[in-house]
Amino acid sequence: MTTTTTTASTAPHWDQWFIILFGEDGVGRKVLAVQFTMNCFVATYDPFEEGHRKYWAVDGTMCLADVEATTEQLIREGQGFFLIYSVTSRTSFSQLDDVWQSIQRAKGKTTPIILLGNKCDLGASDRTVTTEEGTALARQFGCPFLEVSAKTGVNYDVERAFSDLVRLLRQSLRRAETATLQESSGRKEMRKGKCIIL
């Protein structure tokens, strides 16, 4: 009988993220989640199926994403966020400022966020929010902006959008780790510099 020992060098490695999709009903957030995890467009969505999961490679490193298309109650649990509106709905666009502020209060200003304008496959006559307006709102939020189509993948692939968010998450993690190391190093230097006079 052969025994296989898994070492740190041979153990499978991936990073895992909890990604939240925010947006009002009708913007296609649940359809985006299905498109990303199952690579298909589902016109009729099962309202009882909320959670989605996918393994895929980003820049050569495997990652696992748990995706929830939900409302604001999961803000504190989320690590990365898509703020989604429909380019055919000005109401869905306008309400994102409140969601963004809720994330800032709960998670802080450095939380990875991407603004997504969905349904860009529809014609110009259906559009009520311009690309320029989306760009301006993203500039206000200090986050990237993309226009996508959960139905066709036109303009910008949905998986690429998720990969972009994972890159932001990794950058945020590296910054946090660096800050922790610097803080720890600073405390050690302070302890070394102490002297006791008797």
N, C-alpha and C. Protein backbone atom coordinates (compact mmCIF):
# COMPACT_ATOMS: atom_id res chain seq x y z
N MET A 1 0.85 -1.20 0.00
CA MET A 1 0.00 0.00 0.00
C MET A 1 0.88 1.24 0.00
N THR A 2 0.61 2.15 -0.91
CA THR A 2 1.41 3.37 -1.03
C THR A 2 0.70 4.52 -0.34
N THR A 3 1.45 5.23 0.48
CA THR A 3 0.89 6.38 1.18
C THR A 3 1.41 7.66 0.55
N THR A 4 0.52 8.54 0.17
CA THR A 4 0.90 9.82 -0.44
C THR A 4 0.82 10.91 0.60
N THR A 5 1.92 11.60 0.79
CA THR A 5 1.97 12.69 1.75
C THR A 5 1.85 14.01 1.03
N THR A 6 0.93 14.85 1.44
CA THR A 6 0.75 16.17 0.84
C THR A 6 1.57 17.19 1.62
N THR A 7 2.49 17.83 0.94
CA THR A 7 3.33 18.85 1.56
C THR A 7 2.85 20.22 1.15
N ALA A 8 3.46 21.25 1.77
CA ALA A 8 3.07 22.63 1.45
C ALA A 8 3.32 22.95 0.00
N SER A 9 4.38 22.30 -0.59
CA SER A 9 4.73 22.61 -1.98
C SER A 9 3.82 21.91 -2.97
N THR A 10 3.21 20.74 -2.55
CA THR A 10 2.36 20.00 -3.47
C THR A 10 0.88 20.20 -3.20
N ALA A 11 0.54 20.83 -2.08
CA ALA A 11 -0.87 21.02 -1.73
C ALA A 11 -1.54 21.98 -2.71
N PRO A 12 -2.79 21.70 -3.10
CA PRO A 12 -3.48 22.63 -4.00
C PRO A 12 -3.63 23.99 -3.35
N HIS A 13 -3.52 25.02 -4.17
CA HIS A 13 -3.61 26.38 -3.62
C HIS A 13 -4.63 27.18 -4.41
N TRP A 14 -5.47 27.86 -3.73
CA TRP A 14 -6.34 28.84 -4.36
C TRP A 14 -6.71 29.87 -3.31
N ASP A 15 -7.14 31.03 -3.79
CA ASP A 15 -7.68 32.02 -2.86
C ASP A 15 -9.19 32.01 -2.97
N GLN A 16 -9.85 32.36 -1.89
CA GLN A 16 -11.31 32.27 -1.83
C GLN A 16 -11.88 33.63 -1.46
N TRP A 17 -12.95 34.02 -2.17
CA TRP A 17 -13.53 35.35 -1.97
C TRP A 17 -15.05 35.25 -1.91
N PHE A 18 -15.63 36.16 -1.15
CA PHE A 18 -17.08 36.27 -1.06
C PHE A 18 -17.48 37.57 -1.75
N ILE A 19 -18.13 37.43 -2.89
CA ILE A 19 -18.46 38.57 -3.75
C ILE A 19 -19.97 38.82 -3.72
N ILE A 20 -20.33 40.07 -3.53
CA ILE A 20 -21.74 40.46 -3.45
C ILE A 20 -22.11 41.30 -4.65
N LEU A 21 -23.25 40.99 -5.26
CA LEU A 21 -23.80 41.76 -6.37
C LEU A 21 -24.99 42.56 -5.85
N PHE A 22 -24.86 43.88 -5.90
CA PHE A 22 -25.93 44.76 -5.46
C PHE A 22 -26.59 45.45 -6.65
N GLY A 23 -27.86 45.69 -6.52
CA GLY A 23 -28.61 46.39 -7.55
C GLY A 23 -30.08 46.12 -7.34
N GLU A 24 -30.92 47.03 -7.78
CA GLU A 24 -32.35 46.83 -7.57
C GLU A 24 -32.88 45.74 -8.48
N ASP A 25 -34.06 45.24 -8.17
CA ASP A 25 -34.68 44.19 -8.97
C ASP A 25 -34.80 44.63 -10.42
N GLY A 26 -34.48 43.72 -11.32
CA GLY A 26 -34.63 44.01 -12.74
C GLY A 26 -33.36 44.43 -13.44
N VAL A 27 -32.27 44.67 -12.69
CA VAL A 27 -31.02 45.11 -13.35
C VAL A 27 -30.24 43.92 -13.90
N GLY A 28 -30.58 42.70 -13.49
CA GLY A 28 -29.90 41.51 -14.01
C GLY A 28 -28.80 40.97 -13.12
N ARG A 29 -28.81 41.32 -11.84
CA ARG A 29 -27.73 40.85 -10.96
C ARG A 29 -27.74 39.33 -10.81
N LYS A 30 -28.92 38.72 -10.67
CA LYS A 30 -29.00 37.26 -10.54
C LYS A 30 -28.62 36.57 -11.85
N VAL A 31 -29.01 37.17 -12.96
CA VAL A 31 -28.65 36.62 -14.26
C VAL A 31 -27.15 36.72 -14.49
N LEU A 32 -26.54 37.80 -14.01
CA LEU A 32 -25.08 37.94 -14.09
C LEU A 32 -24.39 36.85 -13.29
N ALA A 33 -24.91 36.55 -12.11
CA ALA A 33 -24.33 35.49 -11.28
C ALA A 33 -24.39 34.14 -11.99
N VAL A 34 -25.51 33.86 -12.65
CA VAL A 34 -25.66 32.61 -13.39
C VAL A 34 -24.74 32.59 -14.60
N GLN A 35 -24.66 33.70 -15.32
CA GLN A 35 -23.79 33.78 -16.49
C GLN A 35 -22.34 33.52 -16.09
N PHE A 36 -21.92 34.08 -14.97
CA PHE A 36 -20.54 33.91 -14.51
C PHE A 36 -20.27 32.47 -14.08
N THR A 37 -21.14 31.90 -13.26
CA THR A 37 -20.85 30.59 -12.67
C THR A 37 -21.20 29.43 -13.60
N MET A 38 -22.17 29.62 -14.51
CA MET A 38 -22.64 28.51 -15.35
C MET A 38 -22.42 28.75 -16.84
N ASN A 39 -21.92 29.94 -17.19
CA ASN A 39 -21.64 30.29 -18.59
C ASN A 39 -22.88 30.14 -19.47
N CYS A 40 -23.99 30.60 -18.97
CA CYS A 40 -25.21 30.55 -19.77
C CYS A 40 -26.14 31.69 -19.35
N PHE A 41 -27.06 32.00 -20.23
CA PHE A 41 -28.05 33.04 -19.95
C PHE A 41 -29.36 32.36 -19.58
N VAL A 42 -29.90 32.71 -18.42
CA VAL A 42 -31.16 32.15 -17.95
C VAL A 42 -32.17 33.27 -17.85
N ALA A 43 -33.14 33.27 -18.74
CA ALA A 43 -34.12 34.35 -18.77
C ALA A 43 -35.06 34.29 -17.57
N THR A 44 -35.44 33.08 -17.16
CA THR A 44 -36.32 32.89 -16.01
C THR A 44 -35.50 32.34 -14.87
N TYR A 45 -35.39 33.13 -13.81
CA TYR A 45 -34.50 32.77 -12.70
C TYR A 45 -35.30 32.19 -11.54
N ASP A 46 -34.76 31.13 -10.93
CA ASP A 46 -35.38 30.52 -9.75
C ASP A 46 -35.12 31.40 -8.53
N PRO A 47 -36.13 32.03 -7.96
CA PRO A 47 -35.92 32.95 -6.85
C PRO A 47 -35.40 32.28 -5.58
N PHE A 48 -35.50 30.95 -5.50
CA PHE A 48 -35.03 30.25 -4.32
C PHE A 48 -33.55 29.86 -4.43
N GLU A 49 -32.96 30.06 -5.61
CA GLU A 49 -31.55 29.72 -5.80
C GLU A 49 -30.73 31.00 -5.71
N GLU A 50 -30.09 31.22 -4.57
CA GLU A 50 -29.38 32.48 -4.34
C GLU A 50 -27.87 32.35 -4.50
N GLY A 51 -27.27 31.36 -3.84
CA GLY A 51 -25.82 31.27 -3.82
C GLY A 51 -25.25 30.61 -5.07
N HIS A 52 -24.08 31.07 -5.49
CA HIS A 52 -23.39 30.51 -6.65
C HIS A 52 -21.91 30.40 -6.32
N ARG A 53 -21.25 29.42 -6.94
CA ARG A 53 -19.83 29.20 -6.65
C ARG A 53 -19.11 28.82 -7.95
N LYS A 54 -17.87 29.32 -8.06
CA LYS A 54 -17.09 28.97 -9.25
C LYS A 54 -15.60 28.97 -8.93
N TYR A 55 -14.89 27.95 -9.50
CA TYR A 55 -13.44 27.91 -9.50
C TYR A 55 -12.96 28.36 -10.87
N TRP A 56 -11.97 29.21 -10.93
CA TRP A 56 -11.36 29.58 -12.20
C TRP A 56 -10.00 30.22 -11.92
N ALA A 57 -9.20 30.35 -12.96
CA ALA A 57 -7.84 30.88 -12.80
C ALA A 57 -7.81 32.36 -13.14
N VAL A 58 -7.15 33.11 -12.28
CA VAL A 58 -6.91 34.53 -12.53
C VAL A 58 -5.41 34.76 -12.45
N ASP A 59 -4.81 35.13 -13.58
CA ASP A 59 -3.36 35.35 -13.65
C ASP A 59 -2.58 34.13 -13.18
N GLY A 60 -3.05 32.95 -13.55
CA GLY A 60 -2.33 31.73 -13.25
C GLY A 60 -2.58 31.13 -11.88
N THR A 61 -3.36 31.79 -11.06
CA THR A 61 -3.67 31.28 -9.72
C THR A 61 -5.15 30.96 -9.63
N MET A 62 -5.46 29.75 -9.18
CA MET A 62 -6.85 29.36 -9.04
C MET A 62 -7.52 30.13 -7.91
N CYS A 63 -8.77 30.43 -8.10
CA CYS A 63 -9.53 31.08 -7.03
C CYS A 63 -10.94 30.52 -7.00
N LEU A 64 -11.53 30.64 -5.85
CA LEU A 64 -12.91 30.19 -5.62
C LEU A 64 -13.73 31.40 -5.22
N ALA A 65 -14.80 31.64 -5.95
CA ALA A 65 -15.68 32.76 -5.63
C ALA A 65 -17.05 32.24 -5.20
N ASP A 66 -17.48 32.66 -4.04
CA ASP A 66 -18.86 32.48 -3.61
C ASP A 66 -19.59 33.77 -3.93
N VAL A 67 -20.62 33.68 -4.74
CA VAL A 67 -21.30 34.86 -5.27
C VAL A 67 -22.73 34.90 -4.77
N GLU A 68 -23.12 36.04 -4.24
CA GLU A 68 -24.49 36.25 -3.79
C GLU A 68 -25.08 37.46 -4.49
N ALA A 69 -26.22 37.27 -5.14
CA ALA A 69 -26.96 38.37 -5.73
C ALA A 69 -28.06 38.73 -4.76
N THR A 70 -27.83 39.73 -3.95
CA THR A 70 -28.70 39.94 -2.80
C THR A 70 -28.86 41.41 -2.47
N THR A 71 -29.45 41.67 -1.32
CA THR A 71 -29.66 43.04 -0.87
C THR A 71 -28.64 43.40 0.19
N GLU A 72 -28.84 44.51 0.88
CA GLU A 72 -27.79 45.09 1.69
C GLU A 72 -27.48 44.36 3.00
N GLN A 73 -28.24 43.34 3.36
CA GLN A 73 -28.00 42.73 4.66
C GLN A 73 -26.67 41.98 4.73
N LEU A 74 -26.05 41.68 3.59
CA LEU A 74 -24.81 40.92 3.59
C LEU A 74 -23.57 41.79 3.40
N ILE A 75 -23.71 43.09 3.52
CA ILE A 75 -22.57 43.98 3.29
C ILE A 75 -21.39 43.60 4.17
N ARG A 76 -21.61 43.40 5.44
CA ARG A 76 -20.50 43.14 6.36
C ARG A 76 -19.78 41.83 6.06
N GLU A 77 -20.47 40.89 5.45
CA GLU A 77 -19.84 39.61 5.13
C GLU A 77 -19.08 39.65 3.82
N GLY A 78 -19.44 40.54 2.93
CA GLY A 78 -18.81 40.59 1.62
C GLY A 78 -17.38 41.10 1.66
N GLN A 79 -16.58 40.64 0.68
CA GLN A 79 -15.20 41.12 0.55
C GLN A 79 -15.05 42.03 -0.67
N GLY A 80 -15.72 41.68 -1.75
CA GLY A 80 -15.71 42.50 -2.95
C GLY A 80 -17.13 42.71 -3.44
N PHE A 81 -17.35 43.83 -4.13
CA PHE A 81 -18.72 44.20 -4.48
C PHE A 81 -18.84 44.67 -5.92
N PHE A 82 -19.91 44.24 -6.59
CA PHE A 82 -20.35 44.83 -7.84
C PHE A 82 -21.58 45.68 -7.55
N LEU A 83 -21.54 46.93 -7.96
CA LEU A 83 -22.73 47.79 -7.91
C LEU A 83 -23.29 47.83 -9.32
N ILE A 84 -24.49 47.30 -9.48
CA ILE A 84 -25.04 47.04 -10.82
C ILE A 84 -26.28 47.89 -11.07
N TYR A 85 -26.32 48.46 -12.26
CA TYR A 85 -27.53 49.14 -12.72
C TYR A 85 -27.80 48.70 -14.15
N SER A 86 -28.99 48.94 -14.61
CA SER A 86 -29.33 48.69 -16.00
C SER A 86 -29.19 49.99 -16.78
N VAL A 87 -28.55 49.91 -17.93
CA VAL A 87 -28.39 51.13 -18.75
C VAL A 87 -29.73 51.61 -19.28
N THR A 88 -30.79 50.80 -19.08
CA THR A 88 -32.13 51.19 -19.51
C THR A 88 -32.98 51.72 -18.37
N SER A 89 -32.38 51.87 -17.18
CA SER A 89 -33.15 52.31 -16.01
C SER A 89 -32.39 53.37 -15.23
N ARG A 90 -32.85 54.60 -15.34
CA ARG A 90 -32.20 55.68 -14.59
C ARG A 90 -32.43 55.53 -13.09
N THR A 91 -33.56 54.96 -12.70
CA THR A 91 -33.82 54.75 -11.27
C THR A 91 -32.78 53.83 -10.65
N SER A 92 -32.46 52.74 -11.35
CA SER A 92 -31.48 51.79 -10.83
C SER A 92 -30.10 52.43 -10.74
N PHE A 93 -29.82 53.36 -11.61
CA PHE A 93 -28.54 54.09 -11.60
C PHE A 93 -28.49 55.05 -10.42
N SER A 94 -29.57 55.78 -10.21
CA SER A 94 -29.59 56.81 -9.17
C SER A 94 -29.50 56.23 -7.76
N GLN A 95 -30.06 55.03 -7.53
CA GLN A 95 -30.11 54.49 -6.17
C GLN A 95 -28.77 53.91 -5.71
N LEU A 96 -27.78 53.79 -6.59
CA LEU A 96 -26.52 53.17 -6.21
C LEU A 96 -25.69 54.02 -5.25
N ASP A 97 -25.92 55.32 -5.23
CA ASP A 97 -25.17 56.17 -4.31
C ASP A 97 -25.44 55.77 -2.86
N ASP A 98 -26.69 55.44 -2.55
CA ASP A 98 -27.04 55.02 -1.19
C ASP A 98 -26.35 53.70 -0.83
N VAL A 99 -26.30 52.77 -1.79
CA VAL A 99 -25.64 51.49 -1.55
C VAL A 99 -24.15 51.70 -1.33
N TRP A 100 -23.55 52.54 -2.16
CA TRP A 100 -22.11 52.82 -2.03
C TRP A 100 -21.80 53.40 -0.66
N GLN A 101 -22.62 54.33 -0.19
CA GLN A 101 -22.39 54.93 1.12
C GLN A 101 -22.53 53.89 2.23
N SER A 102 -23.47 52.96 2.08
CA SER A 102 -23.64 51.90 3.08
C SER A 102 -22.40 51.02 3.15
N ILE A 103 -21.81 50.72 2.00
CA ILE A 103 -20.58 49.91 1.97
C ILE A 103 -19.44 50.66 2.61
N GLN A 104 -19.33 51.96 2.34
CA GLN A 104 -18.26 52.76 2.93
C GLN A 104 -18.35 52.77 4.45
N ARG A 105 -19.58 52.91 4.95
CA ARG A 105 -19.76 52.93 6.41
C ARG A 105 -19.43 51.58 7.03
N ALA A 106 -19.83 50.51 6.37
CA ALA A 106 -19.67 49.17 6.95
C ALA A 106 -18.28 48.58 6.74
N LYS A 107 -17.65 48.89 5.59
CA LYS A 107 -16.42 48.20 5.22
C LYS A 107 -15.20 49.10 5.10
N GLY A 108 -15.41 50.40 4.95
CA GLY A 108 -14.27 51.29 4.80
C GLY A 108 -14.05 51.73 3.36
N LYS A 109 -13.20 52.73 3.20
CA LYS A 109 -13.04 53.38 1.90
C LYS A 109 -12.19 52.59 0.91
N THR A 110 -11.45 51.59 1.37
CA THR A 110 -10.57 50.84 0.47
C THR A 110 -11.19 49.53 0.00
N THR A 111 -12.46 49.32 0.27
CA THR A 111 -13.12 48.08 -0.13
C THR A 111 -13.18 47.96 -1.65
N PRO A 112 -12.78 46.82 -2.23
CA PRO A 112 -12.82 46.65 -3.68
C PRO A 112 -14.25 46.66 -4.22
N ILE A 113 -14.49 47.59 -5.14
CA ILE A 113 -15.82 47.76 -5.75
C ILE A 113 -15.63 47.99 -7.25
N ILE A 114 -16.54 47.43 -8.05
CA ILE A 114 -16.61 47.74 -9.48
C ILE A 114 -18.04 48.14 -9.80
N LEU A 115 -18.20 49.22 -10.53
CA LEU A 115 -19.51 49.67 -11.01
C LEU A 115 -19.79 49.01 -12.35
N LEU A 116 -20.95 48.34 -12.46
CA LEU A 116 -21.32 47.63 -13.69
C LEU A 116 -22.60 48.19 -14.27
N GLY A 117 -22.55 48.58 -15.53
CA GLY A 117 -23.75 48.92 -16.26
C GLY A 117 -24.15 47.71 -17.10
N ASN A 118 -25.27 47.08 -16.78
CA ASN A 118 -25.70 45.86 -17.47
C ASN A 118 -26.70 46.19 -18.58
N LYS A 119 -26.90 45.22 -19.46
CA LYS A 119 -27.85 45.28 -20.59
C LYS A 119 -27.37 46.21 -21.68
N CYS A 120 -26.04 46.30 -21.86
CA CYS A 120 -25.53 47.18 -22.91
C CYS A 120 -25.73 46.60 -24.30
N ASP A 121 -26.29 45.38 -24.39
CA ASP A 121 -26.61 44.79 -25.69
C ASP A 121 -27.86 45.42 -26.30
N LEU A 122 -28.67 46.09 -25.48
CA LEU A 122 -29.90 46.70 -25.99
C LEU A 122 -29.59 47.94 -26.82
N GLY A 123 -30.52 48.30 -27.66
CA GLY A 123 -30.29 49.39 -28.60
C GLY A 123 -30.24 50.76 -27.93
N ALA A 124 -29.71 51.72 -28.69
CA ALA A 124 -29.56 53.08 -28.18
C ALA A 124 -30.90 53.69 -27.79
N SER A 125 -31.97 53.28 -28.46
CA SER A 125 -33.28 53.84 -28.14
C SER A 125 -33.79 53.38 -26.78
N ASP A 126 -33.26 52.25 -26.28
CA ASP A 126 -33.66 51.74 -24.97
C ASP A 126 -32.83 52.33 -23.83
N ARG A 127 -31.67 52.85 -24.17
CA ARG A 127 -30.74 53.32 -23.15
C ARG A 127 -31.19 54.66 -22.56
N THR A 128 -31.13 54.74 -21.21
CA THR A 128 -31.44 56.01 -20.54
C THR A 128 -30.26 56.53 -19.72
N VAL A 129 -29.22 55.69 -19.56
CA VAL A 129 -28.01 56.10 -18.84
C VAL A 129 -26.83 55.98 -19.80
N THR A 130 -26.15 57.08 -20.05
CA THR A 130 -25.04 57.07 -21.00
C THR A 130 -23.78 56.47 -20.38
N THR A 131 -22.87 56.06 -21.26
CA THR A 131 -21.57 55.55 -20.79
C THR A 131 -20.83 56.63 -20.03
N GLU A 132 -20.95 57.87 -20.49
CA GLU A 132 -20.26 58.98 -19.83
C GLU A 132 -20.77 59.18 -18.40
N GLU A 133 -22.07 58.99 -18.19
CA GLU A 133 -22.62 59.11 -16.84
C GLU A 133 -22.10 58.00 -15.93
N GLY A 134 -21.97 56.80 -16.47
CA GLY A 134 -21.40 55.70 -15.70
C GLY A 134 -19.96 55.98 -15.32
N THR A 135 -19.20 56.51 -16.28
CA THR A 135 -17.80 56.86 -16.01
C THR A 135 -17.70 57.92 -14.92
N ALA A 136 -18.58 58.91 -14.97
CA ALA A 136 -18.56 59.99 -13.97
C ALA A 136 -18.91 59.46 -12.58
N LEU A 137 -19.89 58.55 -12.49
CA LEU A 137 -20.26 58.00 -11.19
C LEU A 137 -19.12 57.15 -10.62
N ALA A 138 -18.47 56.37 -11.47
CA ALA A 138 -17.34 55.57 -11.01
C ALA A 138 -16.20 56.46 -10.51
N ARG A 139 -16.00 57.58 -11.18
CA ARG A 139 -14.97 58.53 -10.73
C ARG A 139 -15.34 59.07 -9.36
N GLN A 140 -16.62 59.35 -9.15
CA GLN A 140 -17.10 59.83 -7.84
C GLN A 140 -16.87 58.77 -6.76
N PHE A 141 -17.12 57.51 -7.11
CA PHE A 141 -16.94 56.41 -6.15
C PHE A 141 -15.47 56.03 -5.98
N GLY A 142 -14.64 56.41 -6.96
CA GLY A 142 -13.24 56.01 -6.91
C GLY A 142 -13.04 54.54 -7.23
N CYS A 143 -13.81 54.04 -8.21
CA CYS A 143 -13.73 52.62 -8.55
C CYS A 143 -13.77 52.43 -10.06
N PRO A 144 -13.38 51.24 -10.55
CA PRO A 144 -13.48 50.97 -11.99
C PRO A 144 -14.93 50.90 -12.45
N PHE A 145 -15.11 51.09 -13.76
CA PHE A 145 -16.44 51.06 -14.36
C PHE A 145 -16.40 50.21 -15.62
N LEU A 146 -17.40 49.34 -15.78
CA LEU A 146 -17.52 48.49 -16.96
C LEU A 146 -18.97 48.44 -17.40
N GLU A 147 -19.18 48.30 -18.70
CA GLU A 147 -20.51 48.00 -19.23
C GLU A 147 -20.49 46.59 -19.77
N VAL A 148 -21.49 45.80 -19.39
CA VAL A 148 -21.53 44.38 -19.75
C VAL A 148 -22.93 44.00 -20.22
N SER A 149 -23.02 42.78 -20.76
CA SER A 149 -24.32 42.19 -21.07
C SER A 149 -24.33 40.77 -20.52
N ALA A 150 -25.19 40.53 -19.55
CA ALA A 150 -25.32 39.18 -19.00
C ALA A 150 -25.89 38.22 -20.03
N LYS A 151 -26.55 38.77 -21.04
CA LYS A 151 -27.20 37.93 -22.05
C LYS A 151 -26.24 37.49 -23.14
N THR A 152 -25.45 38.41 -23.66
CA THR A 152 -24.62 38.12 -24.84
C THR A 152 -23.12 38.15 -24.58
N GLY A 153 -22.70 38.78 -23.48
CA GLY A 153 -21.26 38.93 -23.24
C GLY A 153 -20.63 40.01 -24.08
N VAL A 154 -21.44 40.79 -24.79
CA VAL A 154 -20.92 41.83 -25.66
C VAL A 154 -20.24 42.92 -24.84
N ASN A 155 -19.25 43.58 -25.44
CA ASN A 155 -18.54 44.73 -24.89
C ASN A 155 -17.48 44.33 -23.87
N TYR A 156 -17.84 43.55 -22.88
CA TYR A 156 -16.86 43.12 -21.87
C TYR A 156 -17.36 41.82 -21.25
N ASP A 157 -16.54 40.78 -21.37
CA ASP A 157 -16.93 39.47 -20.89
C ASP A 157 -17.20 39.48 -19.39
N VAL A 158 -18.26 38.81 -18.97
CA VAL A 158 -18.66 38.81 -17.56
C VAL A 158 -17.57 38.19 -16.68
N GLU A 159 -16.96 37.09 -17.15
CA GLU A 159 -15.90 36.47 -16.35
C GLU A 159 -14.70 37.41 -16.20
N ARG A 160 -14.41 38.18 -17.24
CA ARG A 160 -13.32 39.16 -17.14
C ARG A 160 -13.62 40.18 -16.05
N ALA A 161 -14.88 40.58 -15.93
CA ALA A 161 -15.26 41.54 -14.89
C ALA A 161 -15.00 40.95 -13.50
N PHE A 162 -15.35 39.69 -13.31
CA PHE A 162 -15.09 39.04 -12.02
C PHE A 162 -13.59 38.88 -11.78
N SER A 163 -12.84 38.59 -12.84
CA SER A 163 -11.39 38.49 -12.70
C SER A 163 -10.79 39.82 -12.30
N ASP A 164 -11.30 40.90 -12.86
CA ASP A 164 -10.83 42.24 -12.48
C ASP A 164 -11.07 42.50 -10.99
N LEU A 165 -12.23 42.08 -10.50
CA LEU A 165 -12.53 42.29 -9.08
C LEU A 165 -11.61 41.45 -8.19
N VAL A 166 -11.30 40.23 -8.62
CA VAL A 166 -10.36 39.39 -7.86
C VAL A 166 -8.99 40.06 -7.79
N ARG A 167 -8.56 40.67 -8.89
CA ARG A 167 -7.27 41.38 -8.87
C ARG A 167 -7.29 42.52 -7.85
N LEU A 168 -8.40 43.24 -7.80
CA LEU A 168 -8.53 44.31 -6.80
C LEU A 168 -8.50 43.73 -5.38
N LEU A 169 -9.14 42.59 -5.18
CA LEU A 169 -9.16 41.95 -3.87
C LEU A 169 -7.75 41.52 -3.46
N ARG A 170 -7.01 40.97 -4.40
CA ARG A 170 -5.64 40.55 -4.10
C ARG A 170 -4.76 41.76 -3.77
N GLN A 171 -4.92 42.83 -4.52
CA GLN A 171 -4.15 44.05 -4.23
C GLN A 171 -4.48 44.58 -2.84
N SER A 172 -5.76 44.57 -2.50
CA SER A 172 -6.19 45.05 -1.18
C SER A 172 -5.60 44.18 -0.07
N LEU A 173 -5.58 42.86 -0.29
CA LEU A 173 -5.01 41.95 0.71
C LEU A 173 -3.52 42.20 0.88
N ARG A 174 -2.81 42.40 -0.23
CA ARG A 174 -1.37 42.66 -0.13
C ARG A 174 -1.09 43.95 0.62
N ARG A 175 -1.89 44.98 0.35
CA ARG A 175 -1.71 46.25 1.07
C ARG A 175 -1.94 46.06 2.57
N ALA A 176 -2.98 45.31 2.91
CA ALA A 176 -3.28 45.08 4.33
C ALA A 176 -2.16 44.29 5.00
N GLU A 177 -1.63 43.28 4.31
CA GLU A 177 -0.53 42.48 4.87
C GLU A 177 0.72 43.33 5.06
N THR A 178 1.01 44.19 4.07
CA THR A 178 2.17 45.08 4.18
C THR A 178 2.02 46.03 5.35
N ALA A 179 0.83 46.60 5.51
CA ALA A 179 0.58 47.53 6.62
C ALA A 179 0.74 46.83 7.96
N THR A 180 0.28 45.57 8.04
CA THR A 180 0.40 44.81 9.29
C THR A 180 1.87 44.54 9.62
N LEU A 181 2.65 44.18 8.60
CA LEU A 181 4.08 43.93 8.81
C LEU A 181 4.81 45.19 9.26
N GLN A 182 4.46 46.31 8.62
CA GLN A 182 5.10 47.57 8.99
C GLN A 182 4.75 47.98 10.42
N GLU A 183 3.49 47.76 10.79
CA GLU A 183 3.06 48.10 12.15
C GLU A 183 3.77 47.21 13.16
N SER A 184 3.88 45.91 12.84
CA SER A 184 4.56 44.98 13.74
C SER A 184 6.03 45.33 13.87
N SER A 185 6.66 45.69 12.75
CA SER A 185 8.07 46.08 12.78
C SER A 185 8.28 47.34 13.59
N GLY A 186 7.34 48.29 13.47
CA GLY A 186 7.44 49.54 14.23
C GLY A 186 7.35 49.30 15.72
N ARG A 187 6.46 48.38 16.13
CA ARG A 187 6.34 48.06 17.56
C ARG A 187 7.61 47.43 18.10
N LYS A 188 8.24 46.56 17.28
CA LYS A 188 9.48 45.92 17.71
C LYS A 188 10.59 46.96 17.90
N GLU A 189 10.67 47.92 16.97
CA GLU A 189 11.69 48.96 17.06
C GLU A 189 11.48 49.82 18.30
N MET A 190 10.22 50.09 18.62
CA MET A 190 9.92 50.89 19.81
C MET A 190 10.36 50.16 21.07
N ARG A 191 10.12 48.83 21.10
CA ARG A 191 10.53 48.06 22.27
C ARG A 191 12.05 48.02 22.41
N LYS A 192 12.74 47.94 21.27
CA LYS A 192 14.21 47.93 21.30
C LYS A 192 14.76 49.25 21.81
N GLY A 193 14.06 50.34 21.50
CA GLY A 193 14.55 51.67 21.85
C GLY A 193 14.30 52.06 23.29
N LYS A 194 13.53 51.26 24.01
CA LYS A 194 13.24 51.61 25.41
C LYS A 194 14.47 51.40 26.29
N CYS A 195 14.67 52.28 27.26
CA CYS A 195 15.73 52.08 28.24
C CYS A 195 15.16 52.30 29.63
N ILE A 196 15.75 51.62 30.59
CA ILE A 196 15.28 51.71 31.98
C ILE A 196 16.37 52.34 32.82
N ILE A 197 16.06 53.41 33.53
CA ILE A 197 17.02 54.10 34.40
C ILE A 197 16.68 53.78 35.83
N LEU A 198 17.64 53.23 36.55
CA LEU A 198 17.43 52.87 37.96
C LEU A 198 18.04 53.92 38.85
